[in-house]
Amino acid sequence: MSDDTVRMFVNGQAMRGGALHDALASARFLGRVRTAPVYRFFDFDNSFPGLAPVAEGGWCVPGEIYEVSYRELRERLLPREPTELELSVIELEDGRGSLSMVCRRLPVEDDAVREITATGGWHEHRATTADRT
């Protein structure tokens, strides 16, 4: 990594095959990873996921990690993120830290927000949701 890049964990639409993945076009893919087991995972209106830190009842959320420039992060990815999410530092399963988008607050489940903590990840959740429609 250079002084102009950071690690960015993504777990939803910015992953390969997602609608926001083009925002990481010049980022370097570092691999598939999981978070430490201190997060819950939510689906917002079947449009995007949200990662929420919790003191207990967490899970290792799967995703991808990229080396991304500050410019790419600032100009291409962050402006397209939903307002329900904010940039934060998370803990990965191996103890390293990474930037990631997280929920601004712990979501309350309702018609538009549903917890999907144990579904296997965003891609798996979307596949099962598509099977039901």
Protein backbone atom coordinates (compact mmCIF):
# COMPACT_ATOMS: atom_id res chain seq x y z
CA MET A 1 0.00 0.00 0.00
CA SER A 2 1.11 3.53 -0.67
CA ASP A 3 0.59 6.68 1.39
CA ASP A 4 -2.27 7.55 -0.95
CA THR A 5 -4.27 4.34 -0.44
CA VAL A 6 -6.33 2.65 2.26
CA ARG A 7 -8.01 -0.71 2.75
CA MET A 8 -11.75 -0.65 2.12
CA PHE A 9 -14.05 -3.53 3.12
CA VAL A 10 -17.22 -3.82 1.04
CA ASN A 11 -20.09 -6.22 1.68
CA GLY A 12 -22.87 -5.20 -0.67
CA GLN A 13 -23.37 -3.37 -3.95
CA ALA A 14 -19.67 -2.40 -4.27
CA MET A 15 -18.60 -6.06 -4.39
CA ARG A 16 -17.85 -7.70 -7.74
CA GLY A 17 -21.09 -7.98 -9.70
CA GLY A 18 -22.79 -5.20 -7.72
CA ALA A 19 -24.26 -1.93 -8.97
CA LEU A 20 -21.53 0.16 -7.27
CA HIS A 21 -18.56 -2.01 -8.21
CA ASP A 22 -17.57 0.37 -11.01
CA ALA A 23 -16.63 2.87 -8.28
CA LEU A 24 -13.72 0.53 -7.46
CA ALA A 25 -12.61 0.15 -11.10
CA SER A 26 -9.02 1.19 -10.43
CA ALA A 27 -8.81 -0.23 -6.91
CA ARG A 28 -6.73 -3.35 -6.28
CA PHE A 29 -8.72 -6.41 -5.16
CA LEU A 30 -7.01 -7.90 -2.08
CA GLY A 31 -9.34 -10.84 -1.54
CA ARG A 32 -12.42 -12.15 0.17
CA VAL A 33 -12.48 -11.57 3.93
CA ARG A 34 -14.85 -11.60 6.88
CA THR A 35 -15.36 -9.16 9.71
CA ALA A 36 -14.71 -9.99 13.33
CA PRO A 37 -17.86 -11.51 14.95
CA VAL A 38 -19.00 -8.16 16.36
CA TYR A 39 -21.47 -7.04 13.69
CA ARG A 40 -25.08 -7.61 12.72
CA PHE A 41 -26.15 -7.39 9.09
CA PHE A 42 -29.30 -5.73 7.72
CA ASP A 43 -31.15 -5.49 4.41
CA PHE A 44 -32.56 -2.04 3.65
CA ASP A 45 -35.62 -2.44 1.40
CA ASN A 46 -33.89 -5.19 -0.61
CA SER A 47 -31.62 -2.47 -2.06
CA PHE A 48 -28.44 -2.43 0.01
CA PRO A 49 -27.01 -4.00 3.16
CA GLY A 50 -25.90 -2.36 6.36
CA LEU A 51 -23.27 -3.50 8.83
CA ALA A 52 -23.92 -2.56 12.48
CA PRO A 53 -21.43 -3.01 15.35
CA VAL A 54 -22.91 -4.73 18.42
CA ALA A 55 -21.67 -5.70 21.88
CA GLU A 56 -23.16 -9.20 21.62
CA GLY A 57 -24.94 -11.39 19.09
CA GLY A 58 -22.55 -10.51 16.26
CA TRP A 59 -21.46 -12.52 13.27
CA CYS A 60 -18.50 -12.64 10.86
CA VAL A 61 -19.94 -10.85 7.81
CA PRO A 62 -18.35 -11.89 4.50
CA GLY A 63 -17.17 -9.35 1.96
CA GLU A 64 -14.27 -8.20 -0.15
CA ILE A 65 -11.33 -5.95 0.61
CA TYR A 66 -9.71 -3.48 -1.77
CA GLU A 67 -6.75 -1.16 -1.78
CA VAL A 68 -8.32 2.11 -2.89
CA SER A 69 -6.94 5.61 -3.34
CA TYR A 70 -8.31 8.42 -1.21
CA ARG A 71 -9.36 10.17 -4.42
CA GLU A 72 -11.32 7.16 -5.67
CA LEU A 73 -12.94 6.75 -2.27
CA ARG A 74 -13.82 10.45 -2.01
CA GLU A 75 -14.96 11.02 -5.60
CA ARG A 76 -16.36 7.70 -6.83
CA LEU A 77 -17.56 5.53 -3.94
CA LEU A 78 -18.63 7.68 -0.99
CA PRO A 79 -20.94 10.02 -2.95
CA ARG A 80 -22.96 6.98 -4.10
CA GLU A 81 -23.40 5.41 -0.67
CA PRO A 82 -26.87 5.54 0.95
CA THR A 83 -27.47 8.20 3.62
CA GLU A 84 -28.27 5.46 6.16
CA LEU A 85 -24.58 4.50 6.12
CA GLU A 86 -21.40 6.29 7.16
CA LEU A 87 -17.68 5.65 6.78
CA SER A 88 -16.04 4.01 9.79
CA VAL A 89 -13.20 1.71 10.81
CA ILE A 90 -14.13 -1.93 11.33
CA GLU A 91 -12.33 -4.99 12.66
CA LEU A 92 -11.67 -7.91 10.34
CA GLU A 93 -11.70 -11.57 11.41
CA ASP A 94 -7.89 -11.66 11.51
CA GLY A 95 -7.73 -8.60 13.81
CA ARG A 96 -6.70 -6.06 11.16
CA GLY A 97 -8.64 -2.86 10.72
CA SER A 98 -10.23 -1.53 7.55
CA LEU A 99 -12.44 1.29 6.42
CA SER A 100 -16.03 0.27 5.68
CA MET A 101 -19.50 1.69 5.46
CA VAL A 102 -21.58 0.99 8.58
CA CYS A 103 -25.08 1.86 9.76
CA ARG A 104 -25.33 5.33 11.32
CA ARG A 105 -27.30 3.67 14.13
CA LEU A 106 -28.55 0.17 14.92
CA PRO A 107 -31.55 -0.30 12.60
CA VAL A 108 -35.00 -1.15 13.91
CA GLU A 109 -36.61 -3.93 11.93
CA ASP A 110 -39.77 -2.91 10.04
CA ASP A 111 -41.24 -3.36 6.56
CA ALA A 112 -38.21 -1.73 4.92
CA VAL A 113 -35.39 -3.07 7.17
CA ARG A 114 -34.80 -6.69 8.01
CA GLU A 115 -31.95 -8.43 9.81
CA ILE A 116 -30.06 -10.87 7.60
CA THR A 117 -27.18 -11.65 9.96
CA ALA A 118 -26.98 -15.40 9.30
CA THR A 119 -27.80 -15.59 5.59
CA GLY A 120 -24.24 -16.14 4.39
CA GLY A 121 -23.68 -12.63 3.02
CA TRP A 122 -25.27 -10.14 0.64
CA HIS A 123 -24.96 -12.22 -2.55
CA GLU A 124 -26.47 -15.28 -0.86
CA HIS A 125 -29.27 -13.19 0.64
CA ARG A 126 -30.07 -11.64 -2.75
CA ALA A 127 -30.14 -15.10 -4.36
CA THR A 128 -32.67 -16.40 -1.83
CA THR A 129 -34.75 -13.21 -2.11
CA ALA A 130 -34.85 -13.57 -5.91
CA ASP A 131 -35.99 -17.19 -5.52
CA ARG A 132 -39.07 -16.00 -3.58
CA THR A 133 -40.23 -13.44 -6.15
